[in-house]
C-alpha atoms as a PDB file:
ATOM      1  CA  MET A   1     -70.070  49.187  47.220  1.00  0.00           C
ATOM      2  CA  SER A   2     -71.769  51.082  44.497  1.00  0.00           C
ATOM      3  CA  PHE A   3     -70.490  54.473  43.302  1.00  0.00           C
ATOM      4  CA  SER A   4     -73.931  55.936  43.785  1.00  0.00           C
ATOM      5  CA  GLU A   5     -75.572  59.316  42.930  1.00  0.00           C
ATOM      6  CA  PRO A   6     -76.206  60.331  46.583  1.00  0.00           C
ATOM      7  CA  MET A   7     -72.484  60.037  47.289  1.00  0.00           C
ATOM      8  CA  LEU A   8     -71.649  62.146  44.216  1.00  0.00           C
ATOM      9  CA  GLN A   9     -74.267  64.762  45.216  1.00  0.00           C
ATOM     10  CA  GLU A  10     -72.989  65.114  48.670  1.00  0.00           C
ATOM     11  CA  THR A  11     -69.489  65.977  47.352  1.00  0.00           C
ATOM     12  CA  VAL A  12     -70.709  68.084  44.434  1.00  0.00           C
ATOM     13  CA  ALA A  13     -72.961  70.130  46.841  1.00  0.00           C
ATOM     14  CA  ARG A  14     -69.841  71.128  48.782  1.00  0.00           C
ATOM     15  CA  ASN A  15     -67.960  71.992  45.680  1.00  0.00           C
ATOM     16  CA  GLY A  16     -70.551  72.973  43.044  1.00  0.00           C
ATOM     17  CA  HIS A  17     -68.625  76.024  41.826  1.00  0.00           C
ATOM     18  CA  LYS A  18     -65.913  73.803  40.509  1.00  0.00           C
ATOM     19  CA  GLY A  19     -68.180  72.002  38.013  1.00  0.00           C
ATOM     20  CA  LYS A  20     -69.510  68.424  38.215  1.00  0.00           C
ATOM     21  CA  VAL A  21     -67.327  66.960  35.721  1.00  0.00           C
ATOM     22  CA  VAL A  22     -64.173  68.438  37.336  1.00  0.00           C
ATOM     23  CA  VAL A  23     -65.256  66.967  40.629  1.00  0.00           C
ATOM     24  CA  PHE A  24     -65.742  63.499  39.106  1.00  0.00           C
ATOM     25  CA  PHE A  25     -62.150  63.534  37.806  1.00  0.00           C
ATOM     26  CA  ALA A  26     -61.015  64.720  41.238  1.00  0.00           C
ATOM     27  CA  LEU A  27     -62.877  61.916  42.962  1.00  0.00           C
ATOM     28  CA  LEU A  28     -61.015  59.436  40.858  1.00  0.00           C
ATOM     29  CA  LEU A  29     -57.734  61.108  41.441  1.00  0.00           C
ATOM     30  CA  GLY A  30     -58.299  61.029  45.247  1.00  0.00           C
ATOM     31  CA  VAL A  31     -59.359  57.400  45.273  1.00  0.00           C
ATOM     32  CA  ALA A  32     -56.265  56.378  43.523  1.00  0.00           C
ATOM     33  CA  VAL A  33     -54.056  58.357  45.726  1.00  0.00           C
ATOM     34  CA  TRP A  34     -55.693  56.878  48.829  1.00  0.00           C
ATOM     35  CA  HIS A  35     -55.500  53.331  47.561  1.00  0.00           C
ATOM     36  CA  ASN A  36     -51.765  53.846  46.841  1.00  0.00           C
ATOM     37  CA  SER A  37     -50.991  55.312  50.259  1.00  0.00           C
ATOM     38  CA  GLN A  38     -53.274  53.113  52.426  1.00  0.00           C
ATOM     39  CA  LEU A  39     -53.323  49.790  50.609  1.00  0.00           C
ATOM     40  CA  LYS A  40     -50.016  49.973  48.718  1.00  0.00           C
ATOM     41  CA  ALA A  41     -51.909  48.511  45.694  1.00  0.00           C
ATOM     42  CA  GLU A  42     -51.403  49.149  42.045  1.00  0.00           C
ATOM     43  CA  ALA A  43     -54.927  48.164  40.998  1.00  0.00           C
ATOM     44  CA  PRO A  44     -56.526  51.685  41.310  1.00  0.00           C
ATOM     45  CA  MET A  45     -54.023  53.011  38.847  1.00  0.00           C
ATOM     46  CA  ASN A  46     -55.211  50.297  36.464  1.00  0.00           C
ATOM     47  CA  LEU A  47     -58.764  51.722  36.723  1.00  0.00           C
ATOM     48  CA  ILE A  48     -57.402  55.126  35.608  1.00  0.00           C
ATOM     49  CA  ALA A  49     -55.588  53.420  32.690  1.00  0.00           C
ATOM     50  CA  THR A  50     -58.919  51.964  31.558  1.00  0.00           C
ATOM     51  CA  LEU A  51     -60.676  55.214  31.446  1.00  0.00           C
ATOM     52  CA  PRO A  52     -60.763  57.484  28.359  1.00  0.00           C
ATOM     53  CA  GLY A  53     -58.422  60.556  28.257  1.00  0.00           C
ATOM     54  CA  ARG A  54     -61.309  62.741  29.250  1.00  0.00           C
ATOM     55  CA  ILE A  55     -64.146  61.486  31.454  1.00  0.00           C
ATOM     56  CA  GLN A  56     -67.161  62.753  29.358  1.00  0.00           C
ATOM     57  CA  SER A  57     -70.151  62.008  31.472  1.00  0.00           C
ATOM     58  CA  PRO A  58     -71.248  61.070  35.060  1.00  0.00           C
ATOM     59  CA  SER A  59     -72.918  57.873  33.822  1.00  0.00           C
ATOM     60  CA  ALA A  60     -69.601  56.665  32.151  1.00  0.00           C
ATOM     61  CA  PHE A  61     -67.681  57.505  35.233  1.00  0.00           C
ATOM     62  CA  LYS A  62     -69.953  55.722  37.582  1.00  0.00           C
ATOM     63  CA  ALA A  63     -70.185  52.665  35.282  1.00  0.00           C
ATOM     64  CA  ARG A  64     -66.401  52.244  35.262  1.00  0.00           C
ATOM     65  CA  CYS A  65     -66.038  52.687  38.992  1.00  0.00           C
ATOM     66  CA  ASN A  66     -68.816  50.303  39.798  1.00  0.00           C
ATOM     67  CA  ALA A  67     -67.334  47.691  37.437  1.00  0.00           C
ATOM     68  CA  TYR A  68     -63.957  47.984  39.272  1.00  0.00           C
ATOM     69  CA  TRP A  69     -65.405  47.976  42.768  1.00  0.00           C
ATOM     70  CA  GLN A  70     -67.288  44.651  42.049  1.00  0.00           C
ATOM     71  CA  THR A  71     -63.919  42.920  42.476  1.00  0.00           C
ATOM     72  CA  HIS A  72     -62.179  45.599  44.683  1.00  0.00           C
ATOM     73  CA  PRO A  73     -64.786  46.323  47.466  1.00  0.00           C
ATOM     74  CA  ILE A  74     -64.422  49.433  49.641  1.00  0.00           C
ATOM     75  CA  ALA A  75     -66.809  50.336  52.453  1.00  0.00           C
ATOM     76  CA  PRO A  76     -68.781  53.446  51.817  1.00  0.00           C
ATOM     77  CA  ALA A  77     -67.831  54.754  55.309  1.00  0.00           C
ATOM     78  CA  GLN A  78     -64.165  54.499  54.434  1.00  0.00           C
ATOM     79  CA  MET A  79     -64.706  56.374  51.148  1.00  0.00           C
ATOM     80  CA  LYS A  80     -66.699  59.529  52.171  1.00  0.00           C
ATOM     81  CA  PRO A  81     -63.865  61.472  53.742  1.00  0.00           C
ATOM     82  CA  TYR A  82     -61.592  60.783  50.829  1.00  0.00           C
ATOM     83  CA  LEU A  83     -64.245  61.780  48.362  1.00  0.00           C
ATOM     84  CA  ARG A  84     -64.621  65.144  49.953  1.00  0.00           C
ATOM     85  CA  SER A  85     -60.909  65.914  50.124  1.00  0.00           C
ATOM     86  CA  ALA A  86     -60.402  64.581  46.660  1.00  0.00           C
ATOM     87  CA  ALA A  87     -62.924  66.966  45.232  1.00  0.00           C
ATOM     88  CA  TRP A  88     -60.898  69.819  46.454  1.00  0.00           C
ATOM     89  CA  SER A  89     -57.359  68.641  45.858  1.00  0.00           C
ATOM     90  CA  GLY A  90     -58.198  67.026  42.538  1.00  0.00           C
ATOM     91  CA  ALA A  91     -59.892  70.133  41.240  1.00  0.00           C
ATOM     92  CA  ARG A  92     -56.915  72.104  42.333  1.00  0.00           C
ATOM     93  CA  ASP A  93     -54.084  69.692  41.391  1.00  0.00           C
ATOM     94  CA  GLY A  94     -55.478  67.328  38.961  1.00  0.00           C
ATOM     95  CA  CYS A  95     -57.184  69.864  36.791  1.00  0.00           C
ATOM     96  CA  ARG A  96     -54.828  72.782  37.800  1.00  0.00           C
ATOM     97  CA  GLY A  97     -57.870  74.916  38.692  1.00  0.00           C
ATOM     98  CA  SER A  98     -59.191  75.040  35.101  1.00  0.00           C
ATOM     99  CA  LEU A  99     -62.943  74.996  34.858  1.00  0.00           C
ATOM    100  CA  THR A 100     -62.716  73.748  31.269  1.00  0.00           C
ATOM    101  CA  CYS A 101     -60.605  70.701  32.324  1.00  0.00           C
ATOM    102  CA  MET A 102     -62.190  67.415  31.412  1.00  0.00           C
ATOM    103  CA  ARG A 103     -65.266  68.890  29.894  1.00  0.00           C
ATOM    104  CA  ALA A 104     -66.431  67.293  26.582  1.00  0.00           C
ATOM    105  CA  VAL A 105     -68.289  70.091  24.733  1.00  0.00           C
ATOM    106  CA  GLY A 106     -68.164  73.861  25.015  1.00  0.00           C
ATOM    107  CA  LEU A 107     -70.876  76.108  23.677  1.00  0.00           C
ATOM    108  CA  TYR A 108     -69.808  79.712  23.099  1.00  0.00           C
ATOM    109  CA  TYR A 109     -71.415  82.756  21.465  1.00  0.00           C
ATOM    110  CA  GLY A 110     -70.978  86.400  20.829  1.00  0.00           C
ATOM    111  CA  THR A 111     -73.911  88.706  20.558  1.00  0.00           C
ATOM    112  CA  SER A 112     -74.790  92.334  19.785  1.00  0.00           C
ATOM    113  CA  THR A 113     -78.596  92.621  20.102  1.00  0.00           C
ATOM    114  CA  GLY A 114     -79.242  89.446  22.007  1.00  0.00           C
ATOM    115  CA  ASN A 115     -80.389  87.242  19.124  1.00  0.00           C
ATOM    116  CA  THR A 116     -77.354  85.032  18.953  1.00  0.00           C
ATOM    117  CA  GLU A 117     -77.551  84.579  22.804  1.00  0.00           C
ATOM    118  CA  GLU A 118     -81.165  83.511  22.327  1.00  0.00           C
ATOM    119  CA  VAL A 119     -80.231  80.926  19.792  1.00  0.00           C
ATOM    120  CA  ALA A 120     -77.365  79.695  21.909  1.00  0.00           C
ATOM    121  CA  GLY A 121     -79.851  79.081  24.717  1.00  0.00           C
ATOM    122  CA  MET A 122     -81.944  76.948  22.388  1.00  0.00           C
ATOM    123  CA  ILE A 123     -78.932  74.965  21.310  1.00  0.00           C
ATOM    124  CA  GLY A 124     -78.024  74.529  24.936  1.00  0.00           C
ATOM    125  CA  GLU A 125     -81.409  73.141  25.805  1.00  0.00           C
ATOM    126  CA  LYS A 126     -81.310  70.765  22.995  1.00  0.00           C
ATOM    127  CA  SER A 127     -77.839  69.566  23.556  1.00  0.00           C
ATOM    128  CA  GLY A 128     -77.567  69.769  27.256  1.00  0.00           C
ATOM    129  CA  VAL A 129     -74.596  72.079  27.160  1.00  0.00           C
ATOM    130  CA  SER A 130     -74.538  75.366  29.035  1.00  0.00           C
ATOM    131  CA  PRO A 131     -73.919  78.435  26.742  1.00  0.00           C
ATOM    132  CA  THR A 132     -71.042  80.796  27.646  1.00  0.00           C
ATOM    133  CA  SER A 133     -70.538  84.332  26.323  1.00  0.00           C
ATOM    134  CA  ILE A 134     -67.209  84.897  24.465  1.00  0.00           C
ATOM    135  CA  ASP A 135     -67.004  88.023  26.685  1.00  0.00           C
ATOM    136  CA  ASP A 136     -66.277  85.704  29.591  1.00  0.00           C
ATOM    137  CA  VAL A 137     -63.230  84.135  27.906  1.00  0.00           C
ATOM    138  CA  THR A 138     -59.830  85.477  29.045  1.00  0.00           C
ATOM    139  CA  GLU A 139     -57.585  83.551  26.567  1.00  0.00           C
ATOM    140  CA  ALA A 140     -58.082  81.469  23.486  1.00  0.00           C
ATOM    141  CA  LYS A 141     -56.171  78.541  24.846  1.00  0.00           C
ATOM    142  CA  ASP A 142     -59.173  77.696  27.089  1.00  0.00           C
ATOM    143  CA  PHE A 143     -60.701  76.207  23.912  1.00  0.00           C
ATOM    144  CA  GLU A 144     -58.098  73.380  23.856  1.00  0.00           C
ATOM    145  CA  GLY A 145     -59.665  71.980  27.029  1.00  0.00           C
ATOM    146  CA  PHE A 146     -62.706  70.592  25.147  1.00  0.00           C
ATOM    147  CA  ASP A 147     -63.255  67.529  22.863  1.00  0.00           C
ATOM    148  CA  GLY A 148     -65.759  69.578  20.837  1.00  0.00           C
ATOM    149  CA  LEU A 149     -66.935  73.148  20.424  1.00  0.00           C
ATOM    150  CA  ILE A 150     -70.130  74.792  19.202  1.00  0.00           C
ATOM    151  CA  VAL A 151     -69.392  78.512  18.460  1.00  0.00           C
ATOM    152  CA  GLY A 152     -71.758  81.195  17.191  1.00  0.00           C
ATOM    153  CA  ALA A 153     -71.747  84.777  16.194  1.00  0.00           C
ATOM    154  CA  PRO A 154     -73.877  87.434  14.471  1.00  0.00           C
ATOM    155  CA  THR A 155     -72.716  89.257  11.266  1.00  0.00           C
ATOM    156  CA  TRP A 156     -72.462  92.816  12.297  1.00  0.00           C
ATOM    157  CA  ASN A 157     -69.785  94.208   9.985  1.00  0.00           C
ATOM    158  CA  THR A 158     -71.609  93.359   6.791  1.00  0.00           C
ATOM    159  CA  GLY A 159     -69.446  93.240   3.602  1.00  0.00           C
ATOM    160  CA  ALA A 160     -66.191  93.187   5.758  1.00  0.00           C
ATOM    161  CA  ASP A 161     -63.355  90.743   4.872  1.00  0.00           C
ATOM    162  CA  GLU A 162     -62.377  90.295   8.493  1.00  0.00           C
ATOM    163  CA  GLN A 163     -63.724  90.863  11.959  1.00  0.00           C
ATOM    164  CA  ARG A 164     -67.253  90.407  10.692  1.00  0.00           C
ATOM    165  CA  SER A 165     -69.111  89.592  13.947  1.00  0.00           C
ATOM    166  CA  GLY A 166     -68.435  92.929  15.571  1.00  0.00           C
ATOM    167  CA  THR A 167     -68.242  90.966  18.967  1.00  0.00           C
ATOM    168  CA  SER A 168     -65.376  89.908  21.143  1.00  0.00           C
ATOM    169  CA  TRP A 169     -64.834  87.040  18.676  1.00  0.00           C
ATOM    170  CA  ASP A 170     -62.891  89.481  16.631  1.00  0.00           C
ATOM    171  CA  ASP A 171     -60.291  89.858  19.381  1.00  0.00           C
ATOM    172  CA  PHE A 172     -59.521  86.091  19.506  1.00  0.00           C
ATOM    173  CA  LEU A 173     -59.397  85.123  15.792  1.00  0.00           C
ATOM    174  CA  GLU A 174     -55.651  85.237  15.343  1.00  0.00           C
ATOM    175  CA  ASP A 175     -54.907  83.473  18.638  1.00  0.00           C
ATOM    176  CA  ILE A 176     -57.484  80.629  17.926  1.00  0.00           C
ATOM    177  CA  SER A 177     -55.931  79.990  14.485  1.00  0.00           C
ATOM    178  CA  GLY A 178     -52.642  79.292  16.281  1.00  0.00           C
ATOM    179  CA  LEU A 179     -54.135  76.683  18.707  1.00  0.00           C
ATOM    180  CA  SER A 180     -53.712  73.007  18.529  1.00  0.00           C
ATOM    181  CA  LEU A 181     -57.223  71.652  18.007  1.00  0.00           C
ATOM    182  CA  SER A 182     -56.377  68.538  16.010  1.00  0.00           C
ATOM    183  CA  GLY A 183     -58.917  65.754  16.541  1.00  0.00           C
ATOM    184  CA  LYS A 184     -61.457  68.067  18.102  1.00  0.00           C
ATOM    185  CA  LYS A 185     -64.842  68.650  16.403  1.00  0.00           C
ATOM    186  CA  VAL A 186     -66.037  72.206  15.954  1.00  0.00           C
ATOM    187  CA  ALA A 187     -69.497  73.366  14.587  1.00  0.00           C
ATOM    188  CA  VAL A 188     -70.437  76.936  13.833  1.00  0.00           C
ATOM    189  CA  PHE A 189     -73.761  78.672  13.907  1.00  0.00           C
ATOM    190  CA  GLY A 190     -74.600  82.264  12.882  1.00  0.00           C
ATOM    191  CA  VAL A 191     -77.495  84.750  13.137  1.00  0.00           C
ATOM    192  CA  GLY A 192     -78.242  87.180  10.286  1.00  0.00           C
ATOM    193  CA  ASP A 193     -80.942  89.223   8.541  1.00  0.00           C
ATOM    194  CA  SER A 194     -81.780  87.684   5.129  1.00  0.00           C
ATOM    195  CA  ALA A 195     -84.031  90.630   4.168  1.00  0.00           C
ATOM    196  CA  GLY A 196     -82.126  93.711   5.446  1.00  0.00           C
ATOM    197  CA  TYR A 197     -78.647  92.228   4.723  1.00  0.00           C
ATOM    198  CA  GLY A 198     -79.375  89.509   2.162  1.00  0.00           C
ATOM    199  CA  ASP A 199     -76.119  90.026   0.297  1.00  0.00           C
ATOM    200  CA  ASN A 200     -74.068  89.221   3.381  1.00  0.00           C
ATOM    201  CA  PHE A 201     -76.235  86.746   5.223  1.00  0.00           C
ATOM    202  CA  CYS A 202     -74.373  85.113   8.177  1.00  0.00           C
ATOM    203  CA  ASP A 203     -70.925  85.992   6.633  1.00  0.00           C
ATOM    204  CA  ALA A 204     -69.381  85.463  10.141  1.00  0.00           C
ATOM    205  CA  ILE A 205     -70.001  81.708  10.021  1.00  0.00           C
ATOM    206  CA  GLU A 206     -67.217  81.460   7.388  1.00  0.00           C
ATOM    207  CA  GLU A 207     -64.716  83.505   9.346  1.00  0.00           C
ATOM    208  CA  LEU A 208     -65.187  81.405  12.482  1.00  0.00           C
ATOM    209  CA  HIS A 209     -65.196  78.239  10.418  1.00  0.00           C
ATOM    210  CA  SER A 210     -61.894  79.136   8.572  1.00  0.00           C
ATOM    211  CA  THR A 211     -60.325  80.275  11.929  1.00  0.00           C
ATOM    212  CA  PHE A 212     -60.987  77.020  13.775  1.00  0.00           C
ATOM    213  CA  ALA A 213     -60.115  74.970  10.594  1.00  0.00           C
ATOM    214  CA  ALA A 214     -56.690  76.777  10.641  1.00  0.00           C
ATOM    215  CA  ALA A 215     -56.143  75.474  14.162  1.00  0.00           C
ATOM    216  CA  GLY A 216     -56.613  71.863  12.940  1.00  0.00           C
ATOM    217  CA  ALA A 217     -60.173  71.239  14.119  1.00  0.00           C
ATOM    218  CA  GLU A 218     -62.433  68.809  12.390  1.00  0.00           C
ATOM    219  CA  MET A 219     -65.256  70.978  11.143  1.00  0.00           C
ATOM    220  CA  VAL A 220     -68.864  69.570  11.249  1.00  0.00           C
ATOM    221  CA  GLY A 221     -72.377  70.752  11.004  1.00  0.00           C
ATOM    222  CA  ALA A 222     -72.654  71.978   7.374  1.00  0.00           C
ATOM    223  CA  THR A 223     -76.325  72.563   6.288  1.00  0.00           C
ATOM    224  CA  SER A 224     -78.205  72.781   3.041  1.00  0.00           C
ATOM    225  CA  SER A 225     -78.994  76.318   1.763  1.00  0.00           C
ATOM    226  CA  GLU A 226     -82.384  75.265   0.686  1.00  0.00           C
ATOM    227  CA  GLY A 227     -85.282  77.043   2.339  1.00  0.00           C
ATOM    228  CA  TYR A 228     -83.470  80.323   2.979  1.00  0.00           C
ATOM    229  CA  SER A 229     -84.365  83.561   1.272  1.00  0.00           C
ATOM    230  CA  HIS A 230     -81.064  85.323   1.291  1.00  0.00           C
ATOM    231  CA  THR A 231     -79.282  86.469  -1.937  1.00  0.00           C
ATOM    232  CA  GLU A 232     -75.673  85.669  -1.182  1.00  0.00           C
ATOM    233  CA  SER A 233     -73.320  84.663   1.688  1.00  0.00           C
ATOM    234  CA  LYS A 234     -69.544  84.256   2.230  1.00  0.00           C
ATOM    235  CA  SER A 235     -70.522  81.162   4.298  1.00  0.00           C
ATOM    236  CA  GLU A 236     -72.245  79.234   1.423  1.00  0.00           C
ATOM    237  CA  ALA A 237     -70.530  76.990  -0.997  1.00  0.00           C
ATOM    238  CA  ASP A 238     -71.807  74.341  -3.404  1.00  0.00           C
ATOM    239  CA  GLY A 239     -75.407  74.564  -2.107  1.00  0.00           C
ATOM    240  CA  LYS A 240     -74.257  74.309   1.638  1.00  0.00           C
ATOM    241  CA  PHE A 241     -73.527  76.713   4.398  1.00  0.00           C
ATOM    242  CA  LEU A 242     -70.430  76.044   6.462  1.00  0.00           C
ATOM    243  CA  GLY A 243     -72.595  75.801   9.592  1.00  0.00           C
ATOM    244  CA  LEU A 244     -76.214  76.595  10.756  1.00  0.00           C
ATOM    245  CA  PRO A 245     -77.553  80.045   9.595  1.00  0.00           C
ATOM    246  CA  LEU A 246     -80.496  81.415  11.597  1.00  0.00           C
ATOM    247  CA  ASP A 247     -82.633  84.563  10.990  1.00  0.00           C
ATOM    248  CA  GLN A 248     -84.431  85.734  14.157  1.00  0.00           C
ATOM    249  CA  ASP A 249     -85.607  88.915  12.349  1.00  0.00           C
ATOM    250  CA  ASN A 250     -87.627  87.234   9.579  1.00  0.00           C
ATOM    251  CA  GLU A 251     -87.711  83.473  10.148  1.00  0.00           C
ATOM    252  CA  SER A 252     -87.812  83.102  13.955  1.00  0.00           C
ATOM    253  CA  ASP A 253     -90.663  80.525  13.587  1.00  0.00           C
ATOM    254  CA  MET A 254     -88.277  78.228  11.862  1.00  0.00           C
ATOM    255  CA  THR A 255     -85.349  78.492  14.396  1.00  0.00           C
ATOM    256  CA  GLU A 256     -86.526  75.814  16.927  1.00  0.00           C
ATOM    257  CA  ASP A 257     -86.971  73.186  14.239  1.00  0.00           C
ATOM    258  CA  ARG A 258     -83.631  74.040  12.531  1.00  0.00           C
ATOM    259  CA  VAL A 259     -81.732  73.901  15.832  1.00  0.00           C
ATOM    260  CA  SER A 260     -83.293  70.553  16.762  1.00  0.00           C
ATOM    261  CA  LYS A 261     -82.344  69.062  13.522  1.00  0.00           C
ATOM    262  CA  TRP A 262     -78.784  70.505  13.587  1.00  0.00           C
ATOM    263  CA  VAL A 263     -78.061  69.251  17.099  1.00  0.00           C
ATOM    264  CA  ASP A 264     -79.292  65.698  15.979  1.00  0.00           C
ATOM    265  CA  GLN A 265     -76.925  66.094  12.916  1.00  0.00           C
ATOM    266  CA  LEU A 266     -74.013  67.094  15.110  1.00  0.00           C
ATOM    267  CA  LYS A 267     -74.550  63.935  17.466  1.00  0.00           C
ATOM    268  CA  SER A 268     -74.543  61.877  14.204  1.00  0.00           C
ATOM    269  CA  GLU A 269     -71.336  63.401  13.080  1.00  0.00           C
ATOM    270  CA  GLY A 270     -69.570  62.646  16.403  1.00  0.00           C
ATOM    271  CA  MET A 271     -69.904  65.689  18.508  1.00  0.00           C
ATOM    272  CA  PRO A 272     -69.191  64.214  21.973  1.00  0.00           C
ATOM    273  CA  PHE A 273     -72.338  65.386  23.823  1.00  0.00           C
END
């Protein structure tokens, strides 16, 4: 038997709203439960033990399962009903209903005029991660469900010492700093106006950076300040920005290239795409 894409698609189609990765974990959970109850075997639990703490991709999941089933064959006809039920019960019990459960990277943005949302979309296309508005987050603890995070915000309250983005990020800053994000990689991007607000260009990057760093996250994605026409920024230190600054008002023609290079940089720094 091969743990093939059609079988996954059949199950995912019935449970698409749960998210593919949640379903993959659910399938594994269901298979293990079925093996234990029907075959009284311990081997399926050994399969779980060989998997990483979080299943980060469909290809990794299928490869591990196929390798296991080379020596522990199960007829596809036997498996289908269990795959279907596992997708439901696993998503409910194994992941406790959390849509962030088992996902590798989260991409979150706040926006005031739509510029940051536009940039988040570009990052999403390059990285393969779907962007989510911070307005859709109900509690900061959701961020603990990821292995890595890419977060972005505009700088709306220029010159402010705190709550610089003027978005819903401001409501989460204190709670985020109290999270346990040790071992998780976090990268920050920001959108600003280097001509109109050149003295406070992308100041919100530093605020998000310091907030996630306070939670123990490993901060990645620092970029050179060369090539920017701003005057000053709280997010700049020793010739580098603490993330990726972008200017959709004056330098939008540079955004795509800057985003592409940055995502490649994040991959090289270990962001688990």
